[in-house]
């Protein structure tokens, strides 16, 4: 059996996460029992939610255990199977974590899924046609529920969730405005992803400046907002919301290091009769088939052209992850293992 290199959470961060929180180890891959398959991971996914799980605190998901393989989504190939539904060579998506191989109890629901790479590249099953894409779909379709002609805004617009959100919202006839960091990302958001406008938050570092930029980009106000960041950007958006606006609250990456994120003027939620709903996409598995069907069609037709940032080798995962938290990635952040 092959040697398996793994990244463990070695200790919990105090404040900002660092590479010292992680540890690279090697272990022998165990022999398979009946019902198990051995998967060789080709890519592993890096996502902002992972930072919150590094903390030992109450949240919507259990904390990442110290001393165990860091958890996360993976795609790869079955190399050995003792389960009748899987054969060597099958391409699969799962939750194998930060390691080169995983042994999966394939009979357990949701542990492993075959994927078709005929029209959709394998890596996209960790992004546009995976959890990030479904996250965008759920927030837009089930919470914001936009009408044709309405204006919707999303933070982290150039990332995996943002790119899918833009394609989905344009398909529904919306005016779509993104917020991203830097001129290159903003150019990608408008020129390649088809957003109507993109605001560079680095050029608008406070509420007053951001609110003015939003007024220019959203002359008819904001009807729907998909939140990934929090902080002053949320305060600025609240100043521009229309009556009966809807907010899909997906992430608050500005507060992942533990500092509180107070709202400057929460009364605006009442004044504008705003619907604000937080959500965790893994709690809504019933929508995944419908969402993935639409997302796959958008990728296959070229209407959704997601970009990927790819780090090489399992040892690169911690630094790539820390870079993601700083916005250094461009599109979906992956680690290539094969």
C-alpha atoms as a PDB file:
ATOM      1  CA  UNK A   1       0.000   0.000   0.000  1.00  0.00           C
ATOM      2  CA  UNK A   2       1.278   3.539  -0.767  1.00  0.00           C
ATOM      3  CA  UNK A   3       2.735   5.981   1.735  1.00  0.00           C
ATOM      4  CA  UNK A   4       0.311   8.799   2.499  1.00  0.00           C
ATOM      5  CA  UNK A   5       1.506  12.321   3.279  1.00  0.00           C
ATOM      6  CA  UNK A   6      -0.933  14.269   5.431  1.00  0.00           C
ATOM      7  CA  UNK A   7      -1.335  17.765   6.904  1.00  0.00           C
ATOM      8  CA  UNK A   8      -2.546  17.790  10.529  1.00  0.00           C
ATOM      9  CA  UNK A   9      -3.840  20.639  12.655  1.00  0.00           C
ATOM     10  CA  UNK A  10      -0.959  20.649  15.155  1.00  0.00           C
ATOM     11  CA  UNK A  11      -2.242  23.434  17.441  1.00  0.00           C
ATOM     12  CA  UNK A  12      -4.950  26.074  17.483  1.00  0.00           C
ATOM     13  CA  UNK A  13      -4.205  29.636  16.366  1.00  0.00           C
ATOM     14  CA  UNK A  14      -4.111  32.516  18.806  1.00  0.00           C
ATOM     15  CA  UNK A  15      -5.380  35.421  16.729  1.00  0.00           C
ATOM     16  CA  UNK A  16      -4.133  35.135  13.165  1.00  0.00           C
ATOM     17  CA  UNK A  17      -3.517  31.651  11.769  1.00  0.00           C
ATOM     18  CA  UNK A  18       0.081  30.790  10.812  1.00  0.00           C
ATOM     19  CA  UNK A  19       1.933  27.934   9.125  1.00  0.00           C
ATOM     20  CA  UNK A  20       3.086  26.820  12.579  1.00  0.00           C
ATOM     21  CA  UNK A  21      -0.482  25.662  13.303  1.00  0.00           C
ATOM     22  CA  UNK A  22      -0.004  22.818  10.791  1.00  0.00           C
ATOM     23  CA  UNK A  23       2.229  19.729  10.644  1.00  0.00           C
ATOM     24  CA  UNK A  24       3.218  17.491   7.702  1.00  0.00           C
ATOM     25  CA  UNK A  25       3.449  13.769   8.481  1.00  0.00           C
ATOM     26  CA  UNK A  26       3.690  10.493   6.532  1.00  0.00           C
ATOM     27  CA  UNK A  27       1.784   7.303   7.297  1.00  0.00           C
ATOM     28  CA  UNK A  28       1.243   3.953   5.665  1.00  0.00           C
ATOM     29  CA  UNK A  29      -2.137   3.595   3.954  1.00  0.00           C
ATOM     30  CA  UNK A  30      -4.126   0.839   5.723  1.00  0.00           C
ATOM     31  CA  UNK A  31      -5.392  -2.262   3.945  1.00  0.00           C
ATOM     32  CA  UNK A  32      -9.000  -2.080   2.774  1.00  0.00           C
ATOM     33  CA  UNK A  33     -11.887  -3.777   4.547  1.00  0.00           C
ATOM     34  CA  UNK A  34     -15.028  -4.905   2.745  1.00  0.00           C
ATOM     35  CA  UNK A  35     -17.080  -1.910   1.579  1.00  0.00           C
ATOM     36  CA  UNK A  36     -14.100   0.447   1.482  1.00  0.00           C
ATOM     37  CA  UNK A  37     -12.320   2.128  -1.423  1.00  0.00           C
ATOM     38  CA  UNK A  38      -8.898   3.726  -1.663  1.00  0.00           C
ATOM     39  CA  UNK A  39      -8.925   7.136  -3.356  1.00  0.00           C
ATOM     40  CA  UNK A  40      -5.866   8.924  -4.722  1.00  0.00           C
ATOM     41  CA  UNK A  41      -6.619  12.614  -4.391  1.00  0.00           C
ATOM     42  CA  UNK A  42      -5.870  14.743  -7.436  1.00  0.00           C
ATOM     43  CA  UNK A  43      -6.969  18.063  -5.900  1.00  0.00           C
ATOM     44  CA  UNK A  44      -7.908  19.281  -2.463  1.00  0.00           C
ATOM     45  CA  UNK A  45     -10.074  22.297  -1.781  1.00  0.00           C
ATOM     46  CA  UNK A  46      -9.121  25.320   0.316  1.00  0.00           C
ATOM     47  CA  UNK A  47     -12.062  27.353   1.595  1.00  0.00           C
ATOM     48  CA  UNK A  48     -12.527  30.303   3.975  1.00  0.00           C
ATOM     49  CA  UNK A  49     -14.851  28.367   6.328  1.00  0.00           C
ATOM     50  CA  UNK A  50     -11.876  26.222   7.348  1.00  0.00           C
ATOM     51  CA  UNK A  51     -10.415  29.117   9.344  1.00  0.00           C
ATOM     52  CA  UNK A  52     -13.404  29.174  11.702  1.00  0.00           C
ATOM     53  CA  UNK A  53     -13.087  25.455  12.343  1.00  0.00           C
ATOM     54  CA  UNK A  54      -9.504  25.911  13.553  1.00  0.00           C
ATOM     55  CA  UNK A  55     -10.870  27.656  16.653  1.00  0.00           C
ATOM     56  CA  UNK A  56     -12.116  25.765  19.693  1.00  0.00           C
ATOM     57  CA  UNK A  57     -15.408  27.591  19.884  1.00  0.00           C
ATOM     58  CA  UNK A  58     -19.094  26.980  19.454  1.00  0.00           C
ATOM     59  CA  UNK A  59     -20.147  27.274  15.833  1.00  0.00           C
ATOM     60  CA  UNK A  60     -22.400  25.660  13.246  1.00  0.00           C
ATOM     61  CA  UNK A  61     -19.834  22.885  12.735  1.00  0.00           C
ATOM     62  CA  UNK A  62     -17.625  20.969  15.146  1.00  0.00           C
ATOM     63  CA  UNK A  63     -14.112  22.313  15.588  1.00  0.00           C
ATOM     64  CA  UNK A  64     -11.307  20.659  13.649  1.00  0.00           C
ATOM     65  CA  UNK A  65      -9.704  18.173  16.089  1.00  0.00           C
ATOM     66  CA  UNK A  66      -6.075  18.867  16.986  1.00  0.00           C
ATOM     67  CA  UNK A  67      -3.697  16.132  15.884  1.00  0.00           C
ATOM     68  CA  UNK A  68      -5.930  14.866  13.072  1.00  0.00           C
ATOM     69  CA  UNK A  69      -5.904  15.321   9.296  1.00  0.00           C
ATOM     70  CA  UNK A  70      -7.200  18.764   8.392  1.00  0.00           C
ATOM     71  CA  UNK A  71     -10.675  18.328   6.948  1.00  0.00           C
ATOM     72  CA  UNK A  72     -11.790  19.466   3.503  1.00  0.00           C
ATOM     73  CA  UNK A  73     -13.194  18.542   0.119  1.00  0.00           C
ATOM     74  CA  UNK A  74     -11.258  16.449  -2.400  1.00  0.00           C
ATOM     75  CA  UNK A  75     -11.575  15.005  -5.894  1.00  0.00           C
ATOM     76  CA  UNK A  76      -9.592  12.105  -7.235  1.00  0.00           C
ATOM     77  CA  UNK A  77      -9.543   8.601  -8.632  1.00  0.00           C
ATOM     78  CA  UNK A  78     -10.360   5.229  -7.132  1.00  0.00           C
ATOM     79  CA  UNK A  79      -7.201   3.098  -7.157  1.00  0.00           C
ATOM     80  CA  UNK A  80      -8.588   0.074  -5.315  1.00  0.00           C
ATOM     81  CA  UNK A  81     -12.129  -0.926  -4.400  1.00  0.00           C
ATOM     82  CA  UNK A  82     -13.824  -3.454  -2.189  1.00  0.00           C
ATOM     83  CA  UNK A  83     -17.256  -1.941  -2.815  1.00  0.00           C
ATOM     84  CA  UNK A  84     -19.472  -3.122  -5.707  1.00  0.00           C
ATOM     85  CA  UNK A  85     -20.477   0.384  -6.850  1.00  0.00           C
ATOM     86  CA  UNK A  86     -16.907   1.603  -7.372  1.00  0.00           C
ATOM     87  CA  UNK A  87     -14.100   0.382  -9.584  1.00  0.00           C
ATOM     88  CA  UNK A  88     -10.488   1.384 -10.087  1.00  0.00           C
ATOM     89  CA  UNK A  89     -10.374   4.385 -12.425  1.00  0.00           C
ATOM     90  CA  UNK A  90     -13.661   5.940 -11.293  1.00  0.00           C
ATOM     91  CA  UNK A  91     -13.392   9.710 -10.804  1.00  0.00           C
ATOM     92  CA  UNK A  92     -14.922  10.723  -7.463  1.00  0.00           C
ATOM     93  CA  UNK A  93     -15.589  13.677  -5.189  1.00  0.00           C
ATOM     94  CA  UNK A  94     -15.588  13.403  -1.427  1.00  0.00           C
ATOM     95  CA  UNK A  95     -14.349  14.884   1.823  1.00  0.00           C
ATOM     96  CA  UNK A  96     -10.965  13.214   2.075  1.00  0.00           C
ATOM     97  CA  UNK A  97      -9.101  16.045   3.799  1.00  0.00           C
ATOM     98  CA  UNK A  98      -5.572  17.393   3.426  1.00  0.00           C
ATOM     99  CA  UNK A  99      -3.839  14.169   2.439  1.00  0.00           C
ATOM    100  CA  UNK A 100      -2.746  12.352  -0.693  1.00  0.00           C
ATOM    101  CA  UNK A 101      -4.941   9.267  -0.168  1.00  0.00           C
ATOM    102  CA  UNK A 102      -8.069   8.432   1.776  1.00  0.00           C
ATOM    103  CA  UNK A 103      -9.775   5.184   2.719  1.00  0.00           C
ATOM    104  CA  UNK A 104     -13.519   5.712   2.396  1.00  0.00           C
ATOM    105  CA  UNK A 105     -16.447   3.651   3.701  1.00  0.00           C
ATOM    106  CA  UNK A 106     -18.227   3.933   0.384  1.00  0.00           C
ATOM    107  CA  UNK A 107     -21.545   2.583   1.617  1.00  0.00           C
ATOM    108  CA  UNK A 108     -22.140   5.534   3.959  1.00  0.00           C
ATOM    109  CA  UNK A 109     -24.439   8.160   2.378  1.00  0.00           C
ATOM    110  CA  UNK A 110     -22.669  11.294   1.200  1.00  0.00           C
ATOM    111  CA  UNK A 111     -19.139   9.984   1.678  1.00  0.00           C
ATOM    112  CA  UNK A 112     -18.269   9.608  -1.999  1.00  0.00           C
ATOM    113  CA  UNK A 113     -19.822  10.512  -5.344  1.00  0.00           C
ATOM    114  CA  UNK A 114     -18.873   9.538  -8.870  1.00  0.00           C
ATOM    115  CA  UNK A 115     -18.400  12.525 -11.179  1.00  0.00           C
ATOM    116  CA  UNK A 116     -18.473  12.839 -14.958  1.00  0.00           C
ATOM    117  CA  UNK A 117     -15.448  14.622 -16.425  1.00  0.00           C
ATOM    118  CA  UNK A 118     -16.654  14.462 -20.052  1.00  0.00           C
ATOM    119  CA  UNK A 119     -17.648  18.152 -20.153  1.00  0.00           C
ATOM    120  CA  UNK A 120     -16.656  19.402 -16.688  1.00  0.00           C
ATOM    121  CA  UNK A 121     -12.996  19.276 -15.552  1.00  0.00           C
ATOM    122  CA  UNK A 122     -12.406  17.239 -12.387  1.00  0.00           C
ATOM    123  CA  UNK A 123     -11.194  20.252 -10.408  1.00  0.00           C
ATOM    124  CA  UNK A 124     -14.459  22.140 -11.042  1.00  0.00           C
ATOM    125  CA  UNK A 125     -16.268  19.671  -8.783  1.00  0.00           C
ATOM    126  CA  UNK A 126     -14.561  21.458  -5.894  1.00  0.00           C
ATOM    127  CA  UNK A 127     -15.651  24.868  -7.171  1.00  0.00           C
ATOM    128  CA  UNK A 128     -18.259  25.908  -9.711  1.00  0.00           C
ATOM    129  CA  UNK A 129     -19.938  22.492  -9.843  1.00  0.00           C
ATOM    130  CA  UNK A 130     -19.343  21.680  -6.184  1.00  0.00           C
ATOM    131  CA  UNK A 131     -19.945  23.143  -2.758  1.00  0.00           C
ATOM    132  CA  UNK A 132     -19.060  26.767  -3.661  1.00  0.00           C
ATOM    133  CA  UNK A 133     -21.360  26.720  -6.701  1.00  0.00           C
ATOM    134  CA  UNK A 134     -24.247  25.277  -4.723  1.00  0.00           C
ATOM    135  CA  UNK A 135     -23.588  27.865  -2.003  1.00  0.00           C
ATOM    136  CA  UNK A 136     -24.030  30.643  -4.579  1.00  0.00           C
ATOM    137  CA  UNK A 137     -27.137  28.947  -5.975  1.00  0.00           C
ATOM    138  CA  UNK A 138     -28.827  28.527  -2.607  1.00  0.00           C
ATOM    139  CA  UNK A 139     -28.135  32.073  -1.437  1.00  0.00           C
ATOM    140  CA  UNK A 140     -29.369  33.563  -4.702  1.00  0.00           C
ATOM    141  CA  UNK A 141     -32.324  31.312  -5.518  1.00  0.00           C
ATOM    142  CA  UNK A 142     -33.677  30.417  -2.090  1.00  0.00           C
ATOM    143  CA  UNK A 143     -32.911  33.531  -0.034  1.00  0.00           C
ATOM    144  CA  UNK A 144     -32.493  36.513  -2.358  1.00  0.00           C
ATOM    145  CA  UNK A 145     -35.001  35.082  -4.882  1.00  0.00           C
ATOM    146  CA  UNK A 146     -34.441  37.933  -7.350  1.00  0.00           C
ATOM    147  CA  UNK A 147     -36.899  39.246  -9.883  1.00  0.00           C
ATOM    148  CA  UNK A 148     -35.757  40.192 -13.377  1.00  0.00           C
ATOM    149  CA  UNK A 149     -34.307  43.684 -13.421  1.00  0.00           C
ATOM    150  CA  UNK A 150     -33.350  43.769  -9.741  1.00  0.00           C
ATOM    151  CA  UNK A 151     -29.856  44.695  -8.564  1.00  0.00           C
ATOM    152  CA  UNK A 152     -27.806  42.160  -6.608  1.00  0.00           C
ATOM    153  CA  UNK A 153     -24.373  42.614  -5.026  1.00  0.00           C
ATOM    154  CA  UNK A 154     -21.806  40.082  -3.804  1.00  0.00           C
ATOM    155  CA  UNK A 155     -18.520  40.431  -1.927  1.00  0.00           C
ATOM    156  CA  UNK A 156     -15.486  38.270  -2.830  1.00  0.00           C
ATOM    157  CA  UNK A 157     -16.871  38.419  -6.364  1.00  0.00           C
ATOM    158  CA  UNK A 158     -13.831  36.906  -8.096  1.00  0.00           C
ATOM    159  CA  UNK A 159     -13.786  33.790  -5.928  1.00  0.00           C
ATOM    160  CA  UNK A 160     -15.412  30.400  -6.428  1.00  0.00           C
ATOM    161  CA  UNK A 161     -18.760  31.418  -4.919  1.00  0.00           C
ATOM    162  CA  UNK A 162     -18.755  34.852  -6.534  1.00  0.00           C
ATOM    163  CA  UNK A 163     -18.091  33.621 -10.063  1.00  0.00           C
ATOM    164  CA  UNK A 164     -20.966  31.144  -9.870  1.00  0.00           C
ATOM    165  CA  UNK A 165     -23.243  33.764  -8.335  1.00  0.00           C
ATOM    166  CA  UNK A 166     -22.597  36.142 -11.221  1.00  0.00           C
ATOM    167  CA  UNK A 167     -23.512  33.600 -13.902  1.00  0.00           C
ATOM    168  CA  UNK A 168     -26.604  32.477 -12.024  1.00  0.00           C
ATOM    169  CA  UNK A 169     -27.800  36.041 -11.421  1.00  0.00           C
ATOM    170  CA  UNK A 170     -27.223  37.134 -15.025  1.00  0.00           C
ATOM    171  CA  UNK A 171     -29.217  34.121 -16.183  1.00  0.00           C
ATOM    172  CA  UNK A 172     -32.117  35.540 -14.146  1.00  0.00           C
ATOM    173  CA  UNK A 173     -31.928  38.987 -15.743  1.00  0.00           C
ATOM    174  CA  UNK A 174     -30.377  40.835 -12.803  1.00  0.00           C
ATOM    175  CA  UNK A 175     -27.996  43.749 -12.675  1.00  0.00           C
ATOM    176  CA  UNK A 176     -25.000  42.148 -10.947  1.00  0.00           C
ATOM    177  CA  UNK A 177     -22.391  44.152  -9.041  1.00  0.00           C
ATOM    178  CA  UNK A 178     -19.314  42.612  -7.471  1.00  0.00           C
ATOM    179  CA  UNK A 179     -16.874  43.763  -4.819  1.00  0.00           C
ATOM    180  CA  UNK A 180     -13.300  42.453  -5.101  1.00  0.00           C
ATOM    181  CA  UNK A 181      -9.730  43.403  -4.209  1.00  0.00           C
ATOM    182  CA  UNK A 182      -7.533  44.982  -6.860  1.00  0.00           C
ATOM    183  CA  UNK A 183      -7.917  46.114 -10.482  1.00  0.00           C
ATOM    184  CA  UNK A 184      -7.012  42.712 -11.968  1.00  0.00           C
ATOM    185  CA  UNK A 185      -9.742  40.931 -10.040  1.00  0.00           C
ATOM    186  CA  UNK A 186     -12.286  43.616 -10.872  1.00  0.00           C
ATOM    187  CA  UNK A 187     -11.390  43.426 -14.569  1.00  0.00           C
ATOM    188  CA  UNK A 188     -11.848  39.640 -14.465  1.00  0.00           C
ATOM    189  CA  UNK A 189     -15.232  40.035 -12.728  1.00  0.00           C
ATOM    190  CA  UNK A 190     -16.588  42.373 -15.415  1.00  0.00           C
ATOM    191  CA  UNK A 191     -14.759  41.179 -18.559  1.00  0.00           C
ATOM    192  CA  UNK A 192     -14.783  37.400 -18.062  1.00  0.00           C
ATOM    193  CA  UNK A 193     -17.560  36.734 -15.554  1.00  0.00           C
ATOM    194  CA  UNK A 194     -19.954  39.244 -17.107  1.00  0.00           C
ATOM    195  CA  UNK A 195     -20.812  41.346 -14.044  1.00  0.00           C
ATOM    196  CA  UNK A 196     -22.249  44.766 -14.837  1.00  0.00           C
ATOM    197  CA  UNK A 197     -19.830  46.504 -12.479  1.00  0.00           C
ATOM    198  CA  UNK A 198     -17.167  45.704  -9.886  1.00  0.00           C
ATOM    199  CA  UNK A 199     -15.946  47.852  -6.999  1.00  0.00           C
ATOM    200  CA  UNK A 200     -12.334  47.597  -5.831  1.00  0.00           C
ATOM    201  CA  UNK A 201     -12.588  47.674  -2.035  1.00  0.00           C
ATOM    202  CA  UNK A 202      -8.907  48.596  -1.783  1.00  0.00           C
ATOM    203  CA  UNK A 203      -9.796  51.916  -3.394  1.00  0.00           C
ATOM    204  CA  UNK A 204     -12.693  52.393  -0.942  1.00  0.00           C
ATOM    205  CA  UNK A 205     -11.349  51.522   2.524  1.00  0.00           C
ATOM    206  CA  UNK A 206     -14.103  53.088   4.639  1.00  0.00           C
ATOM    207  CA  UNK A 207     -17.892  53.236   4.860  1.00  0.00           C
ATOM    208  CA  UNK A 208     -18.271  56.683   3.289  1.00  0.00           C
ATOM    209  CA  UNK A 209     -16.143  55.902   0.236  1.00  0.00           C
ATOM    210  CA  UNK A 210     -17.640  52.425  -0.265  1.00  0.00           C
ATOM    211  CA  UNK A 211     -21.178  53.758   0.067  1.00  0.00           C
ATOM    212  CA  UNK A 212     -20.480  56.374  -2.605  1.00  0.00           C
ATOM    213  CA  UNK A 213     -19.058  53.697  -4.938  1.00  0.00           C
ATOM    214  CA  UNK A 214     -22.128  51.520  -4.368  1.00  0.00           C
ATOM    215  CA  UNK A 215     -24.423  54.437  -5.167  1.00  0.00           C
ATOM    216  CA  UNK A 216     -22.671  54.892  -8.523  1.00  0.00           C
ATOM    217  CA  UNK A 217     -22.681  51.164  -9.351  1.00  0.00           C
ATOM    218  CA  UNK A 218     -26.245  50.605  -8.124  1.00  0.00           C
ATOM    219  CA  UNK A 219     -28.216  53.684  -9.211  1.00  0.00           C
ATOM    220  CA  UNK A 220     -31.528  51.968  -8.440  1.00  0.00           C
ATOM    221  CA  UNK A 221     -30.368  50.754  -5.018  1.00  0.00           C
ATOM    222  CA  UNK A 222     -29.661  47.186  -3.897  1.00  0.00           C
ATOM    223  CA  UNK A 223     -32.377  44.525  -3.814  1.00  0.00           C
ATOM    224  CA  UNK A 224     -30.263  41.504  -2.903  1.00  0.00           C
ATOM    225  CA  UNK A 225     -26.904  41.136  -1.173  1.00  0.00           C
ATOM    226  CA  UNK A 226     -24.760  38.015  -0.801  1.00  0.00           C
ATOM    227  CA  UNK A 227     -22.385  38.524   2.122  1.00  0.00           C
ATOM    228  CA  UNK A 228     -19.036  36.760   2.432  1.00  0.00           C
ATOM    229  CA  UNK A 229     -16.980  39.377   4.282  1.00  0.00           C
ATOM    230  CA  UNK A 230     -18.774  41.562   6.846  1.00  0.00           C
ATOM    231  CA  UNK A 231     -17.209  44.593   8.500  1.00  0.00           C
ATOM    232  CA  UNK A 232     -17.398  48.070   7.012  1.00  0.00           C
ATOM    233  CA  UNK A 233     -18.552  46.777   3.612  1.00  0.00           C
ATOM    234  CA  UNK A 234     -21.732  45.442   5.174  1.00  0.00           C
ATOM    235  CA  UNK A 235     -22.275  48.810   6.864  1.00  0.00           C
ATOM    236  CA  UNK A 236     -21.921  50.536   3.486  1.00  0.00           C
ATOM    237  CA  UNK A 237     -24.303  48.109   1.780  1.00  0.00           C
ATOM    238  CA  UNK A 238     -26.958  48.664   4.455  1.00  0.00           C
ATOM    239  CA  UNK A 239     -26.969  52.361   3.554  1.00  0.00           C
ATOM    240  CA  UNK A 240     -27.914  51.486  -0.064  1.00  0.00           C
ATOM    241  CA  UNK A 241     -30.531  48.771   0.427  1.00  0.00           C
ATOM    242  CA  UNK A 242     -33.992  49.168  -1.020  1.00  0.00           C
ATOM    243  CA  UNK A 243     -37.106  48.448   1.006  1.00  0.00           C
ATOM    244  CA  UNK A 244     -37.713  44.705   1.352  1.00  0.00           C
ATOM    245  CA  UNK A 245     -34.150  43.837   0.331  1.00  0.00           C
ATOM    246  CA  UNK A 246     -32.861  40.334   1.041  1.00  0.00           C
ATOM    247  CA  UNK A 247     -29.439  39.433   2.474  1.00  0.00           C
ATOM    248  CA  UNK A 248     -27.963  35.933   2.178  1.00  0.00           C
ATOM    249  CA  UNK A 249     -25.366  35.722   4.954  1.00  0.00           C
ATOM    250  CA  UNK A 250     -22.782  33.133   3.928  1.00  0.00           C
ATOM    251  CA  UNK A 251     -19.529  34.228   5.554  1.00  0.00           C
ATOM    252  CA  UNK A 252     -17.868  36.887   7.694  1.00  0.00           C
ATOM    253  CA  UNK A 253     -14.234  36.427   6.778  1.00  0.00           C
ATOM    254  CA  UNK A 254     -13.326  39.825   8.237  1.00  0.00           C
ATOM    255  CA  UNK A 255     -13.947  38.306  11.666  1.00  0.00           C
ATOM    256  CA  UNK A 256     -12.398  34.864  11.290  1.00  0.00           C
ATOM    257  CA  UNK A 257      -9.473  35.772  13.541  1.00  0.00           C
ATOM    258  CA  UNK A 258     -11.858  36.204  16.454  1.00  0.00           C
ATOM    259  CA  UNK A 259     -12.454  39.954  16.652  1.00  0.00           C
ATOM    260  CA  UNK A 260     -16.090  41.072  16.909  1.00  0.00           C
ATOM    261  CA  UNK A 261     -17.747  42.713  13.893  1.00  0.00           C
ATOM    262  CA  UNK A 262     -20.254  45.243  15.196  1.00  0.00           C
ATOM    263  CA  UNK A 263     -22.854  46.800  12.912  1.00  0.00           C
ATOM    264  CA  UNK A 264     -22.721  50.587  12.738  1.00  0.00           C
ATOM    265  CA  UNK A 265     -26.450  51.104  12.082  1.00  0.00           C
ATOM    266  CA  UNK A 266     -28.527  47.933  12.594  1.00  0.00           C
ATOM    267  CA  UNK A 267     -31.716  50.031  12.669  1.00  0.00           C
ATOM    268  CA  UNK A 268     -31.496  50.104   8.858  1.00  0.00           C
ATOM    269  CA  UNK A 269     -32.557  46.444   8.867  1.00  0.00           C
ATOM    270  CA  UNK A 270     -35.849  47.528  10.416  1.00  0.00           C
ATOM    271  CA  UNK A 271     -36.273  50.743   8.435  1.00  0.00           C
ATOM    272  CA  UNK A 272     -35.984  48.841   5.152  1.00  0.00           C
ATOM    273  CA  UNK A 273     -37.826  45.721   6.389  1.00  0.00           C
ATOM    274  CA  UNK A 274     -34.822  43.626   5.367  1.00  0.00           C
ATOM    275  CA  UNK A 275     -34.851  39.844   5.299  1.00  0.00           C
ATOM    276  CA  UNK A 276     -31.470  38.595   6.537  1.00  0.00           C
ATOM    277  CA  UNK A 277     -30.847  34.857   6.623  1.00  0.00           C
ATOM    278  CA  UNK A 278     -27.676  33.006   7.455  1.00  0.00           C
ATOM    279  CA  UNK A 279     -27.234  29.583   5.907  1.00  0.00           C
ATOM    280  CA  UNK A 280     -24.963  26.558   5.760  1.00  0.00           C
ATOM    281  CA  UNK A 281     -25.210  24.843   2.390  1.00  0.00           C
ATOM    282  CA  UNK A 282     -24.541  21.359   3.785  1.00  0.00           C
ATOM    283  CA  UNK A 283     -27.848  21.617   5.655  1.00  0.00           C
ATOM    284  CA  UNK A 284     -29.748  21.855   2.368  1.00  0.00           C
ATOM    285  CA  UNK A 285     -28.696  18.705   0.524  1.00  0.00           C
ATOM    286  CA  UNK A 286     -32.152  18.440  -1.052  1.00  0.00           C
ATOM    287  CA  UNK A 287     -31.341  21.301  -3.468  1.00  0.00           C
ATOM    288  CA  UNK A 288     -27.943  20.009  -4.593  1.00  0.00           C
ATOM    289  CA  UNK A 289     -29.162  17.971  -7.605  1.00  0.00           C
ATOM    290  CA  UNK A 290     -31.138  20.904  -9.035  1.00  0.00           C
ATOM    291  CA  UNK A 291     -28.317  23.354  -8.356  1.00  0.00           C
ATOM    292  CA  UNK A 292     -25.589  21.129  -9.792  1.00  0.00           C
ATOM    293  CA  UNK A 293     -27.617  20.506 -12.937  1.00  0.00           C
ATOM    294  CA  UNK A 294     -27.856  24.242 -13.656  1.00  0.00           C
ATOM    295  CA  UNK A 295     -24.230  24.901 -12.707  1.00  0.00           C
ATOM    296  CA  UNK A 296     -22.973  22.047 -14.884  1.00  0.00           C
ATOM    297  CA  UNK A 297     -24.953  23.396 -17.824  1.00  0.00           C
ATOM    298  CA  UNK A 298     -23.495  26.885 -17.333  1.00  0.00           C
ATOM    299  CA  UNK A 299     -19.937  25.510 -17.270  1.00  0.00           C
ATOM    300  CA  UNK A 300     -20.572  23.198 -20.232  1.00  0.00           C
ATOM    301  CA  UNK A 301     -21.995  26.038 -22.314  1.00  0.00           C
ATOM    302  CA  UNK A 302     -19.171  28.429 -21.466  1.00  0.00           C
ATOM    303  CA  UNK A 303     -21.471  30.890 -19.680  1.00  0.00           C
ATOM    304  CA  UNK A 304     -19.571  30.223 -16.448  1.00  0.00           C
ATOM    305  CA  UNK A 305     -15.798  30.317 -16.852  1.00  0.00           C
ATOM    306  CA  UNK A 306     -14.353  29.898 -13.370  1.00  0.00           C
ATOM    307  CA  UNK A 307     -10.707  30.651 -12.718  1.00  0.00           C
ATOM    308  CA  UNK A 308      -8.515  28.582 -10.412  1.00  0.00           C
ATOM    309  CA  UNK A 309      -5.431  29.291  -8.314  1.00  0.00           C
ATOM    310  CA  UNK A 310      -3.479  26.047  -8.001  1.00  0.00           C
ATOM    311  CA  UNK A 311      -0.717  25.349  -5.487  1.00  0.00           C
ATOM    312  CA  UNK A 312       1.500  22.324  -6.132  1.00  0.00           C
ATOM    313  CA  UNK A 313       1.990  19.507  -3.627  1.00  0.00           C
ATOM    314  CA  UNK A 314       0.507  18.667  -0.246  1.00  0.00           C
ATOM    315  CA  UNK A 315       3.266  20.598   1.542  1.00  0.00           C
ATOM    316  CA  UNK A 316       2.043  23.850  -0.076  1.00  0.00           C
ATOM    317  CA  UNK A 317      -1.454  23.644   1.445  1.00  0.00           C
ATOM    318  CA  UNK A 318      -0.886  25.695   4.648  1.00  0.00           C
ATOM    319  CA  UNK A 319       0.715  28.684   2.904  1.00  0.00           C
ATOM    320  CA  UNK A 320      -1.868  28.572   0.106  1.00  0.00           C
ATOM    321  CA  UNK A 321      -4.624  28.534   2.711  1.00  0.00           C
ATOM    322  CA  UNK A 322      -3.160  31.492   4.590  1.00  0.00           C
ATOM    323  CA  UNK A 323      -2.876  33.341   1.279  1.00  0.00           C
ATOM    324  CA  UNK A 324      -6.547  32.644   0.588  1.00  0.00           C
ATOM    325  CA  UNK A 325      -7.482  34.310   3.873  1.00  0.00           C
ATOM    326  CA  UNK A 326      -5.524  37.383   2.751  1.00  0.00           C
ATOM    327  CA  UNK A 327      -7.188  37.442  -0.682  1.00  0.00           C
ATOM    328  CA  UNK A 328      -4.040  36.431  -2.573  1.00  0.00           C
ATOM    329  CA  UNK A 329      -5.837  33.773  -4.609  1.00  0.00           C
ATOM    330  CA  UNK A 330      -7.539  34.418  -7.930  1.00  0.00           C
ATOM    331  CA  UNK A 331     -10.714  32.363  -8.208  1.00  0.00           C
ATOM    332  CA  UNK A 332     -11.034  28.967  -6.569  1.00  0.00           C
ATOM    333  CA  UNK A 333      -7.983  27.979  -4.480  1.00  0.00           C
ATOM    334  CA  UNK A 334      -6.897  24.372  -4.967  1.00  0.00           C
ATOM    335  CA  UNK A 335      -3.885  22.215  -4.193  1.00  0.00           C
ATOM    336  CA  UNK A 336      -2.836  19.812  -6.991  1.00  0.00           C
ATOM    337  CA  UNK A 337      -1.524  16.519  -5.683  1.00  0.00           C
ATOM    338  CA  UNK A 338      -0.985  14.495  -8.890  1.00  0.00           C
END
